[in-house]
Protein backbone atom coordinates (compact mmCIF):
# COMPACT_ATOMS: atom_id res chain seq x y z
CA MET A 1 133.74 70.74 87.95
CA SER A 2 136.02 72.46 90.43
CA SER A 3 134.63 75.01 92.85
CA ILE A 4 137.95 76.86 92.89
CA ARG A 5 138.22 79.79 90.54
CA PRO A 6 141.51 81.06 89.13
CA THR A 7 142.91 84.05 90.96
CA PRO A 8 145.31 86.75 89.79
CA ASP A 9 148.14 85.07 91.68
CA ARG A 10 147.67 81.71 89.94
CA PRO A 11 151.01 79.87 89.69
CA THR A 12 152.16 79.54 86.10
CA PRO A 13 155.59 79.06 84.52
CA ASP A 14 155.93 82.82 84.04
CA ARG A 15 154.32 83.65 87.44
CA PRO A 16 155.77 81.37 90.12
CA ILE A 17 154.14 80.34 93.37
CA PRO A 18 153.75 83.40 95.61
CA GLY A 19 156.60 83.61 98.10
CA LEU A 20 156.35 84.02 101.84
CA ALA A 21 156.27 87.83 101.74
CA ALA A 22 153.28 87.80 99.34
CA ARG A 23 151.15 85.80 101.77
CA GLY A 24 148.96 86.89 104.64
CA ALA A 25 149.51 86.16 108.31
CA VAL A 26 147.44 82.96 108.38
CA GLU A 27 149.33 81.41 105.46
CA GLN A 28 152.66 82.51 106.93
CA PHE A 29 151.72 80.94 110.25
CA LEU A 30 150.70 77.67 108.59
CA LEU A 31 153.90 77.59 106.55
CA TRP A 32 155.95 78.27 109.70
CA SER A 33 154.06 75.47 111.48
CA LEU A 34 154.69 72.93 108.70
CA ARG A 35 158.33 73.91 108.40
CA THR A 36 158.87 73.89 112.16
CA TRP A 37 157.27 70.46 112.38
CA VAL A 38 159.73 69.12 109.79
CA ARG A 39 162.64 70.63 111.77
CA GLY A 40 161.37 68.92 114.90
CA PHE A 41 160.82 65.64 113.11
CA ASP A 42 164.25 65.69 111.44
CA ASP A 43 166.74 66.76 114.07
CA GLN A 44 165.40 69.31 116.57
CA PRO A 45 162.65 67.68 118.69
CA TRP A 46 162.19 70.80 120.83
CA LYS A 47 160.77 72.50 117.73
CA LEU A 48 157.59 70.41 118.08
CA ALA A 49 156.89 72.05 121.44
CA GLU A 50 157.59 75.45 119.86
CA MET A 51 155.08 74.68 117.11
CA ARG A 52 152.43 73.67 119.68
CA GLU A 53 153.10 76.87 121.65
CA GLY A 54 152.47 78.86 118.47
CA PHE A 55 148.99 77.36 118.14
CA ALA A 56 148.29 77.95 121.84
CA ALA A 57 149.32 81.61 121.46
CA ILE A 58 146.60 82.17 118.84
CA ASN A 59 143.96 80.30 120.88
CA ALA A 60 143.97 77.25 118.61
CA GLY A 61 145.90 75.03 121.04
CA GLU A 62 144.46 71.65 120.07
CA ALA A 63 145.49 72.29 116.46
CA GLY A 64 149.16 71.83 117.39
CA ASP A 65 148.63 68.24 118.50
CA HIS A 66 146.50 67.48 115.45
CA LEU A 67 149.06 68.99 113.08
CA ASP A 68 151.74 66.86 114.75
CA GLN A 69 149.60 63.74 114.27
CA ALA A 70 148.62 64.68 110.69
CA MET A 71 152.20 65.32 109.67
CA THR A 72 153.51 62.19 111.39
CA LEU A 73 151.00 60.11 109.42
CA PHE A 74 151.68 62.17 106.29
CA ALA A 75 155.45 61.64 106.56
CA GLY A 76 154.96 57.91 107.05
CA GLY A 77 152.42 57.45 104.28
CA ALA A 78 153.40 59.94 101.58
CA GLU A 79 154.53 58.47 98.31
CA GLY A 80 157.41 60.19 96.59
CA ARG A 81 159.27 63.27 97.68
CA VAL A 82 157.70 66.11 99.66
CA ASP A 83 159.55 69.43 99.53
CA ILE A 84 159.34 71.54 102.68
CA ASN A 85 161.63 74.55 103.11
CA CYS A 86 163.26 75.73 106.33
CA PRO A 87 161.24 78.15 108.49
CA ARG A 88 163.18 81.22 107.27
CA CYS A 89 163.18 80.50 103.54
CA PRO A 90 161.43 83.26 101.54
CA SER A 91 160.27 80.89 98.78
CA VAL A 92 157.34 78.49 98.99
CA THR A 93 157.38 75.04 97.38
CA ALA A 94 154.44 73.60 95.44
CA ASP A 95 154.08 70.97 98.17
CA GLU A 96 153.88 73.61 100.93
CA HIS A 97 151.46 75.67 98.86
CA ASN A 98 149.17 72.69 98.32
CA LEU A 99 149.24 71.58 101.98
CA VAL A 100 148.13 75.07 103.04
CA LEU A 101 145.51 74.99 100.27
CA ALA A 102 144.15 71.69 101.64
CA ILE A 103 143.57 73.35 105.02
CA ALA A 104 141.91 76.36 103.34
CA LEU A 105 139.59 74.07 101.38
CA ILE A 106 138.59 72.18 104.54
CA GLN A 107 137.84 75.46 106.31
CA ARG A 108 135.24 76.22 103.63
CA GLY A 109 133.65 72.79 103.79
CA TRP A 110 135.22 71.60 100.54
CA GLU A 111 136.64 68.39 102.02
CA ALA A 112 136.22 66.46 98.76
CA SER A 113 138.55 68.96 97.04
CA ALA A 114 141.02 68.65 99.91
CA THR A 115 140.84 64.85 99.66
CA ARG A 116 141.69 64.99 95.95
CA LEU A 117 144.61 67.30 96.72
CA LEU A 118 145.99 65.16 99.56
CA SER A 119 145.62 62.04 97.41
CA ASP A 120 148.47 63.40 95.26
CA TRP A 121 150.74 62.18 98.05
CA LEU A 122 148.76 59.68 100.09
CA PRO A 123 147.35 56.28 99.18
CA PRO A 124 143.74 55.72 100.33
CA ALA A 125 144.50 54.03 103.67
CA ALA A 126 147.00 56.71 104.73
CA LEU A 127 144.60 59.43 103.59
CA ARG A 128 141.79 58.02 105.75
CA LEU A 129 144.09 58.14 108.80
CA CYS A 130 145.63 61.53 108.06
CA GLN A 131 142.77 63.70 106.83
CA PRO A 132 140.74 63.84 110.08
CA HIS A 133 143.72 65.49 111.76
CA PHE A 134 143.97 68.10 109.00
CA VAL A 135 140.23 68.69 109.50
CA HIS A 136 140.81 69.34 113.21
CA VAL A 137 143.62 71.79 112.40
CA ALA A 138 141.46 73.64 109.87
CA PHE A 139 138.45 73.91 112.18
CA ALA A 140 140.51 74.90 115.24
CA LEU A 141 142.09 77.73 113.25
CA ASP A 142 138.71 78.76 111.87
CA ASP A 143 137.15 78.71 115.36
CA ALA A 144 139.99 80.95 116.58
CA GLY A 145 139.27 83.40 113.74
CA TYR A 146 142.06 82.42 111.36
CA ARG A 147 141.05 81.44 107.83
CA ALA A 148 143.54 80.70 105.07
CA PRO A 149 142.70 82.08 101.61
CA VAL A 150 141.92 79.69 98.79
CA ARG A 151 144.47 80.00 96.01
CA GLU A 152 144.85 78.10 92.78
CA ARG A 153 146.43 74.68 93.10
CA ALA A 154 150.16 74.63 92.35
CA VAL A 155 151.46 72.17 89.80
CA ARG A 156 153.86 69.80 91.49
CA ALA A 157 157.03 68.58 89.83
CA PRO A 158 156.87 64.94 88.71
CA ALA A 159 157.68 62.49 91.50
CA ARG A 160 161.37 61.75 91.67
CA ALA A 161 162.63 58.28 92.39
CA ALA A 162 164.79 57.64 95.43
CA PRO A 163 168.55 57.56 94.68
CA ASP A 164 168.71 53.77 94.80
CA ALA A 165 165.54 53.24 92.75
CA ALA A 166 167.52 52.93 89.51
CA ARG A 167 169.38 49.95 90.96
CA THR A 168 166.37 48.26 92.58
CA GLY A 169 163.68 49.30 90.12
CA ALA A 170 161.46 50.38 93.01
CA GLU A 171 160.46 53.66 94.54
CA GLY A 172 162.18 54.20 97.87
CA PRO A 173 160.55 55.44 101.06
CA SER A 174 159.16 58.95 101.38
CA ARG A 175 161.75 61.69 101.21
CA ALA A 176 161.33 65.15 102.67
CA ARG A 177 163.68 67.94 101.73
CA LEU A 178 164.30 70.54 104.34
CA HIS A 179 166.04 73.52 102.78
């Protein structure tokens, strides 16, 4: 039985995932951090330093390095597509929502729930390497006084095959979409 209870802002087909403006400062900061990391990973390496500076500014400095390590392992090990918007996008994807939720669950000591959530993307070996870094991020934020709220899990779209999968019959490498 899940220890997460439905909330009024539960994502449903008629009530989409809450956008950026409907979220508190901690969630907005985490979303900015994830999105900035993707920017740095994709084509703007100086963004990684900017992301680390953001964590240092809120007295959670070590969290920046751990988020970098977690996301590097996540990007390398994730199966299927992971949708991450650009830092300024007002909408929030199901993948972003669930990554922030994983951190919120860890902050409350519900690591088993976070493990189940992260296993939507990661096979067991990648999960074992990646999760400790998410734990460090969650605890560093919590120690600095920043706790993300627990929201209902968002339903992710079915995994999409890579463009060449139809020809090869195999799933391609992980794909991240930066909007």
